[in-house]
């Protein structure tokens, strides 16, 4: 090895749900892990997350429920309603019957509570050092390993009482780098961008298709979180409730042990200047105005769009006056494993496969990705003796081969649901009719919930 720097094992870029999950999955097998996070403090924004049995069984196997158990909620059922008439179209029992069918529960939880439980598991297990205010600016393959650089003039905060500095990151070489930095992934932009010419160590000079191509979907998500006791009894809920209507849908479910109600109202932006296919930078620029509207203006904007919706939705909108808004981004489904791993760099979660939330599996797929990556590294002991970089490259490619088709299937179903949920006229009628006739069979998805990595 060159004398340029000391080799470490793995660097995870991003300390969100995906990054912390990767640290748990890999740290259990004694990999030396560093995690960098561009934010100044750890935490999650947003609201609720739905965790199907395919995800809860993984979290339980990691011991995350030691910290999470007090905060999750097990809804009694999934109910689908018409947003126009309010009519109940279909019901899928959850609770104990779901546990018996899939061997694990269906839970809802606040994103911040899930993130906190994952973080506690990382710290408790000593699975990695987390470094804040570290923004990746460069990633370079060398014959001796991967070299990273950080954006200049950023304050560095260490979390484990070590003496690392930004300069030490540029001197250290890594066997592998995992991009878990979300839909706006810097790792993806740097290393998987087909417009840039670089040849990662040990692979073909012909670039694979980029997993990027992230554009605005045309929908905005308005989120709110309110204590159930502050709502009229008729608006409180112990189940997951979905209202489907033209160009919109509303999802509500309890979180934080059932004490809070999470609401997500997704609207098509046909009344805005934003258009489907807009570039991310254009969307964020336009939304600077939307995000800075006063709460009264924002609420009026929501109320004025749906005078035709049922009384239950109107009552909900009147009762909740504080909403945050965020653009929903999309990308085409993955086409192959090279979009998830390239050389000694792998992508995980939204960095690899951004997906619309119309299957409630964004966090779930990141956790599944991490679990599969951990399984591959568990097998390293049986791998023939190789240079560390070549071994990591092979493990990453095995991981990508195991995961890409599963993720592509979920991406495709979420895109299909976007059209079904927001259908109009005849398609809307056919959807509602199908739900009335075959509701439980349509809502229950063994291929999704019964999946075991």
Foldseek 3Di string as FASTA:
>chain_A
DDPLAAEAAEEEEALALLSLLLLLLALVLVGAYAYEYQAQDDFDDDWKFKDFLQFQVLCVVSVLCVQQVQWKAAFQWEWEAAQQARHTQFIAGFPPVVCVVQVGHIIMATRRSSSVSSVVSCVVSVSYWYKYNWAWDAWDADPQAIFTATDPPTDIDTDPPDDDDRVNRRSYGYLFYEFAPFQVTPCLVHPQDQVDFDAHPPDDRRGDDRLHLKWFAQKKKKKDKAFQVLADPVLAHRHWYKHFEAQKIKIWHATGHRGMIIIIIMGGVPVDPDDTGHHPVVVVVRCVVVQPDDLVVNLCVVQVVPPSTDPSVNSVSVSDRDIGMDTQMADAADDALSLAADQRYGYAQNSRGRAGCLVSCRSVRSSVLSNLLSVLVSCLVVPPDDPSNVSSRVSRSVSSRVRRVVSSVVRVVRVVSSCQRNDDDPSVVVSSVCCNVPVNVVVDDCVPNNDHD
